[in-house]
Amino acid sequence: PRSRGLGDVYKRQNIPGLPKPTDPKIVREAIKAGVATGKYSVKLSEGAKGTVYVFSDPSCPHCQKFEPELEQLAADHTVEIFPVSVIGGEGSAKPIAQMLCAPIEQRASMWKAIAKGRPIDGPVCEEGLTHVRANDQVFRKLQFLGTPTVINLSLIHI
């Protein structure tokens, strides 16, 4: 069977009779699918103490201030970043798309650069922009209040 990405999950949300997007099953499915495809998230680290998922916008001042804490968390947790452009709009979408268009093994270092406001090299591909938009949709559908939003699959805000 074909694995579903976040965009696929959200296309289904407009069908009458399906659970509301805040249904925990939908949230877990969306996050797992986004990670599984390798297209929507950036793995910053692997750790034994569990996995945390971070919805972060590189243009968000709070996200930038949170980066040192994220580095500490990454020391013993698996950290998956879902980059969004909900604060910075196109100013965030372009570097995120560049990063999502790059090979997976380059994305963690690229995230660290754009989170610090440094430019990165690489093309902006349409697929990358599509994935940023899907992450933004997920962020809004899950009714998160701001960035950074840090959760685990038990849907506990950390």
C-alpha atoms as a PDB file:
ATOM      1  CA  PRO A   1       0.000   0.000   0.000  1.00  0.00           C
ATOM      2  CA  ARG A   2       1.039   3.564  -0.710  1.00  0.00           C
ATOM      3  CA  SER A   3       2.070   5.562   2.350  1.00  0.00           C
ATOM      4  CA  ARG A   4       0.052   8.700   2.903  1.00  0.00           C
ATOM      5  CA  GLY A   5       1.559  12.093   3.484  1.00  0.00           C
ATOM      6  CA  LEU A   6       0.123  14.961   5.471  1.00  0.00           C
ATOM      7  CA  GLY A   7      -1.456  16.426   2.348  1.00  0.00           C
ATOM      8  CA  ASP A   8      -3.332  13.163   1.735  1.00  0.00           C
ATOM      9  CA  VAL A   9      -4.571  13.090   5.315  1.00  0.00           C
ATOM     10  CA  TYR A  10      -5.889  16.618   5.033  1.00  0.00           C
ATOM     11  CA  LYS A  11      -7.597  16.090   1.703  1.00  0.00           C
ATOM     12  CA  ARG A  12      -9.734  13.519   3.527  1.00  0.00           C
ATOM     13  CA  GLN A  13     -10.667  16.033   6.238  1.00  0.00           C
ATOM     14  CA  ASN A  14     -13.071  17.852   3.927  1.00  0.00           C
ATOM     15  CA  ILE A  15     -15.287  14.790   3.532  1.00  0.00           C
ATOM     16  CA  PRO A  16     -18.479  15.009   5.616  1.00  0.00           C
ATOM     17  CA  GLY A  17     -18.723  12.490   8.431  1.00  0.00           C
ATOM     18  CA  LEU A  18     -15.008  12.110   9.119  1.00  0.00           C
ATOM     19  CA  PRO A  19     -13.680  12.971  12.569  1.00  0.00           C
ATOM     20  CA  LYS A  20     -12.665  16.555  13.277  1.00  0.00           C
ATOM     21  CA  PRO A  21      -8.967  17.230  12.670  1.00  0.00           C
ATOM     22  CA  THR A  22      -8.322  17.583  16.383  1.00  0.00           C
ATOM     23  CA  ASP A  23      -9.308  13.944  16.904  1.00  0.00           C
ATOM     24  CA  PRO A  24      -6.173  12.379  18.438  1.00  0.00           C
ATOM     25  CA  LYS A  25      -6.231   9.517  15.935  1.00  0.00           C
ATOM     26  CA  ILE A  26      -6.062  11.989  13.056  1.00  0.00           C
ATOM     27  CA  VAL A  27      -3.241  13.917  14.709  1.00  0.00           C
ATOM     28  CA  ARG A  28      -1.174  10.762  15.278  1.00  0.00           C
ATOM     29  CA  GLU A  29      -1.867   9.535  11.745  1.00  0.00           C
ATOM     30  CA  ALA A  30      -0.869  12.856  10.201  1.00  0.00           C
ATOM     31  CA  ILE A  31       2.345  13.087  12.187  1.00  0.00           C
ATOM     32  CA  LYS A  32       3.344   9.472  11.569  1.00  0.00           C
ATOM     33  CA  ALA A  33       2.557   9.771   7.857  1.00  0.00           C
ATOM     34  CA  GLY A  34       4.507  13.000   7.545  1.00  0.00           C
ATOM     35  CA  VAL A  35       7.564  11.470   9.161  1.00  0.00           C
ATOM     36  CA  ALA A  36       7.273   8.186   7.238  1.00  0.00           C
ATOM     37  CA  THR A  37       7.363   9.855   3.829  1.00  0.00           C
ATOM     38  CA  GLY A  38      10.533  11.788   4.596  1.00  0.00           C
ATOM     39  CA  LYS A  39       9.055  14.777   2.781  1.00  0.00           C
ATOM     40  CA  TYR A  40       7.439  16.913   5.467  1.00  0.00           C
ATOM     41  CA  SER A  41       9.763  16.787   8.459  1.00  0.00           C
ATOM     42  CA  VAL A  42      13.434  17.069   9.339  1.00  0.00           C
ATOM     43  CA  LYS A  43      15.001  14.614  11.770  1.00  0.00           C
ATOM     44  CA  LEU A  44      17.394  16.557  13.979  1.00  0.00           C
ATOM     45  CA  SER A  45      18.423  13.676  16.211  1.00  0.00           C
ATOM     46  CA  GLU A  46      17.897  10.082  17.334  1.00  0.00           C
ATOM     47  CA  GLY A  47      17.521   9.449  21.042  1.00  0.00           C
ATOM     48  CA  ALA A  48      16.496   6.735  23.434  1.00  0.00           C
ATOM     49  CA  LYS A  49      14.145   8.785  25.620  1.00  0.00           C
ATOM     50  CA  GLY A  50      11.339   9.086  23.078  1.00  0.00           C
ATOM     51  CA  THR A  51      10.343  11.259  20.166  1.00  0.00           C
ATOM     52  CA  VAL A  52       9.161  14.837  20.149  1.00  0.00           C
ATOM     53  CA  TYR A  53       7.636  16.661  17.215  1.00  0.00           C
ATOM     54  CA  VAL A  54       8.205  20.374  16.817  1.00  0.00           C
ATOM     55  CA  PHE A  55       6.186  22.699  14.603  1.00  0.00           C
ATOM     56  CA  SER A  56       8.550  25.618  14.120  1.00  0.00           C
ATOM     57  CA  ASP A  57       8.825  28.667  11.855  1.00  0.00           C
ATOM     58  CA  PRO A  58      12.358  29.932  11.208  1.00  0.00           C
ATOM     59  CA  SER A  59      11.067  33.536  11.186  1.00  0.00           C
ATOM     60  CA  CYS A  60       9.463  33.164  14.620  1.00  0.00           C
ATOM     61  CA  PRO A  61      11.438  34.943  17.368  1.00  0.00           C
ATOM     62  CA  HIS A  62      10.206  32.441  19.976  1.00  0.00           C
ATOM     63  CA  CYS A  63      11.355  29.552  17.788  1.00  0.00           C
ATOM     64  CA  GLN A  64      14.777  31.135  17.398  1.00  0.00           C
ATOM     65  CA  LYS A  65      15.063  31.553  21.181  1.00  0.00           C
ATOM     66  CA  PHE A  66      13.948  27.919  21.629  1.00  0.00           C
ATOM     67  CA  GLU A  67      16.721  26.470  19.422  1.00  0.00           C
ATOM     68  CA  PRO A  68      19.284  26.088  22.284  1.00  0.00           C
ATOM     69  CA  GLU A  69      16.684  24.193  24.333  1.00  0.00           C
ATOM     70  CA  LEU A  70      15.903  22.076  21.289  1.00  0.00           C
ATOM     71  CA  GLU A  71      19.598  21.196  21.038  1.00  0.00           C
ATOM     72  CA  GLN A  72      19.520  20.020  24.669  1.00  0.00           C
ATOM     73  CA  LEU A  73      16.386  17.978  24.015  1.00  0.00           C
ATOM     74  CA  ALA A  74      18.074  16.461  20.957  1.00  0.00           C
ATOM     75  CA  ALA A  75      20.872  15.079  23.138  1.00  0.00           C
ATOM     76  CA  ASP A  76      18.675  12.196  24.316  1.00  0.00           C
ATOM     77  CA  HIS A  77      15.423  12.401  22.323  1.00  0.00           C
ATOM     78  CA  THR A  78      14.533  11.876  18.699  1.00  0.00           C
ATOM     79  CA  VAL A  79      13.507  15.308  17.441  1.00  0.00           C
ATOM     80  CA  GLU A  80      11.430  15.708  14.290  1.00  0.00           C
ATOM     81  CA  ILE A  81      10.858  19.252  13.028  1.00  0.00           C
ATOM     82  CA  PHE A  82       7.783  20.041  10.966  1.00  0.00           C
ATOM     83  CA  PRO A  83       8.816  23.376   9.460  1.00  0.00           C
ATOM     84  CA  VAL A  84       5.972  25.835   8.943  1.00  0.00           C
ATOM     85  CA  SER A  85       5.637  29.329   7.514  1.00  0.00           C
ATOM     86  CA  VAL A  86       2.675  30.459   9.632  1.00  0.00           C
ATOM     87  CA  ILE A  87       4.583  33.418  11.097  1.00  0.00           C
ATOM     88  CA  GLY A  88       7.026  34.401   8.353  1.00  0.00           C
ATOM     89  CA  GLY A  89       4.889  33.641   5.293  1.00  0.00           C
ATOM     90  CA  GLU A  90       6.912  33.615   2.067  1.00  0.00           C
ATOM     91  CA  GLY A  91      10.008  34.735   3.977  1.00  0.00           C
ATOM     92  CA  SER A  92       9.923  31.389   5.786  1.00  0.00           C
ATOM     93  CA  ALA A  93       8.426  29.291   2.978  1.00  0.00           C
ATOM     94  CA  LYS A  94      11.318  29.876   0.558  1.00  0.00           C
ATOM     95  CA  PRO A  95      14.172  28.622   2.765  1.00  0.00           C
ATOM     96  CA  ILE A  96      11.995  25.786   4.107  1.00  0.00           C
ATOM     97  CA  ALA A  97      11.216  24.697   0.537  1.00  0.00           C
ATOM     98  CA  GLN A  98      14.934  24.868  -0.326  1.00  0.00           C
ATOM     99  CA  MET A  99      15.642  22.607   2.640  1.00  0.00           C
ATOM    100  CA  LEU A 100      12.817  20.163   1.824  1.00  0.00           C
ATOM    101  CA  CYS A 101      14.087  19.947  -1.776  1.00  0.00           C
ATOM    102  CA  ALA A 102      17.551  18.925  -0.551  1.00  0.00           C
ATOM    103  CA  PRO A 103      18.666  15.358   0.177  1.00  0.00           C
ATOM    104  CA  ILE A 104      17.407  14.118   3.557  1.00  0.00           C
ATOM    105  CA  GLU A 105      20.908  13.800   5.011  1.00  0.00           C
ATOM    106  CA  GLN A 106      21.539  17.545   4.481  1.00  0.00           C
ATOM    107  CA  ARG A 107      18.320  18.828   6.037  1.00  0.00           C
ATOM    108  CA  ALA A 108      19.292  18.877   9.725  1.00  0.00           C
ATOM    109  CA  SER A 109      22.267  21.157   9.112  1.00  0.00           C
ATOM    110  CA  MET A 110      20.176  23.291   6.760  1.00  0.00           C
ATOM    111  CA  TRP A 111      17.463  23.639   9.426  1.00  0.00           C
ATOM    112  CA  LYS A 112      20.042  24.783  11.963  1.00  0.00           C
ATOM    113  CA  ALA A 113      21.229  27.445   9.511  1.00  0.00           C
ATOM    114  CA  ILE A 114      17.798  28.822   8.600  1.00  0.00           C
ATOM    115  CA  ALA A 115      16.681  28.737  12.251  1.00  0.00           C
ATOM    116  CA  LYS A 116      19.583  31.108  12.918  1.00  0.00           C
ATOM    117  CA  GLY A 117      18.547  33.354  10.026  1.00  0.00           C
ATOM    118  CA  ARG A 118      21.399  32.296   7.752  1.00  0.00           C
ATOM    119  CA  PRO A 119      20.742  31.773   4.042  1.00  0.00           C
ATOM    120  CA  ILE A 120      21.160  28.321   2.520  1.00  0.00           C
ATOM    121  CA  ASP A 121      22.023  27.251  -1.002  1.00  0.00           C
ATOM    122  CA  GLY A 122      19.724  25.239  -3.166  1.00  0.00           C
ATOM    123  CA  PRO A 123      16.761  25.509  -5.483  1.00  0.00           C
ATOM    124  CA  VAL A 124      13.188  26.153  -4.418  1.00  0.00           C
ATOM    125  CA  CYS A 125      11.259  23.271  -5.956  1.00  0.00           C
ATOM    126  CA  GLU A 126       7.479  23.142  -6.298  1.00  0.00           C
ATOM    127  CA  GLU A 127       7.362  19.928  -4.289  1.00  0.00           C
ATOM    128  CA  GLY A 128       9.109  21.659  -1.370  1.00  0.00           C
ATOM    129  CA  LEU A 129       6.609  24.528  -1.471  1.00  0.00           C
ATOM    130  CA  THR A 130       3.754  22.004  -1.544  1.00  0.00           C
ATOM    131  CA  HIS A 131       5.130  20.320   1.582  1.00  0.00           C
ATOM    132  CA  VAL A 132       5.503  23.636   3.419  1.00  0.00           C
ATOM    133  CA  ARG A 133       1.864  24.471   2.578  1.00  0.00           C
ATOM    134  CA  ALA A 134       0.770  21.025   3.800  1.00  0.00           C
ATOM    135  CA  ASN A 135       2.622  21.546   7.087  1.00  0.00           C
ATOM    136  CA  ASP A 136       0.942  24.951   7.450  1.00  0.00           C
ATOM    137  CA  GLN A 137      -2.455  23.336   6.863  1.00  0.00           C
ATOM    138  CA  VAL A 138      -1.764  20.672   9.456  1.00  0.00           C
ATOM    139  CA  PHE A 139      -0.664  23.318  11.948  1.00  0.00           C
ATOM    140  CA  ARG A 140      -3.900  25.269  11.436  1.00  0.00           C
ATOM    141  CA  LYS A 141      -6.175  22.219  11.374  1.00  0.00           C
ATOM    142  CA  LEU A 142      -4.688  21.017  14.644  1.00  0.00           C
ATOM    143  CA  GLN A 143      -5.497  24.451  16.044  1.00  0.00           C
ATOM    144  CA  PHE A 144      -2.054  25.010  17.490  1.00  0.00           C
ATOM    145  CA  LEU A 145      -1.815  28.442  19.059  1.00  0.00           C
ATOM    146  CA  GLY A 146       1.703  29.408  18.086  1.00  0.00           C
ATOM    147  CA  THR A 147       5.207  28.366  17.301  1.00  0.00           C
ATOM    148  CA  PRO A 148       7.124  26.554  18.464  1.00  0.00           C
ATOM    149  CA  THR A 149       4.649  23.820  19.328  1.00  0.00           C
ATOM    150  CA  VAL A 150       6.315  20.748  20.814  1.00  0.00           C
ATOM    151  CA  ILE A 151       4.310  17.540  21.270  1.00  0.00           C
ATOM    152  CA  ASN A 152       4.745  13.797  21.557  1.00  0.00           C
ATOM    153  CA  LEU A 153       2.442  11.149  20.097  1.00  0.00           C
ATOM    154  CA  SER A 154       0.483  11.055  23.316  1.00  0.00           C
ATOM    155  CA  LEU A 155      -0.454  14.573  22.154  1.00  0.00           C
ATOM    156  CA  ILE A 156       0.960  16.158  25.243  1.00  0.00           C
ATOM    157  CA  HIS A 157       2.305  19.639  24.648  1.00  0.00           C
ATOM    158  CA  ILE A 158       5.806  19.636  26.047  1.00  0.00           C
END
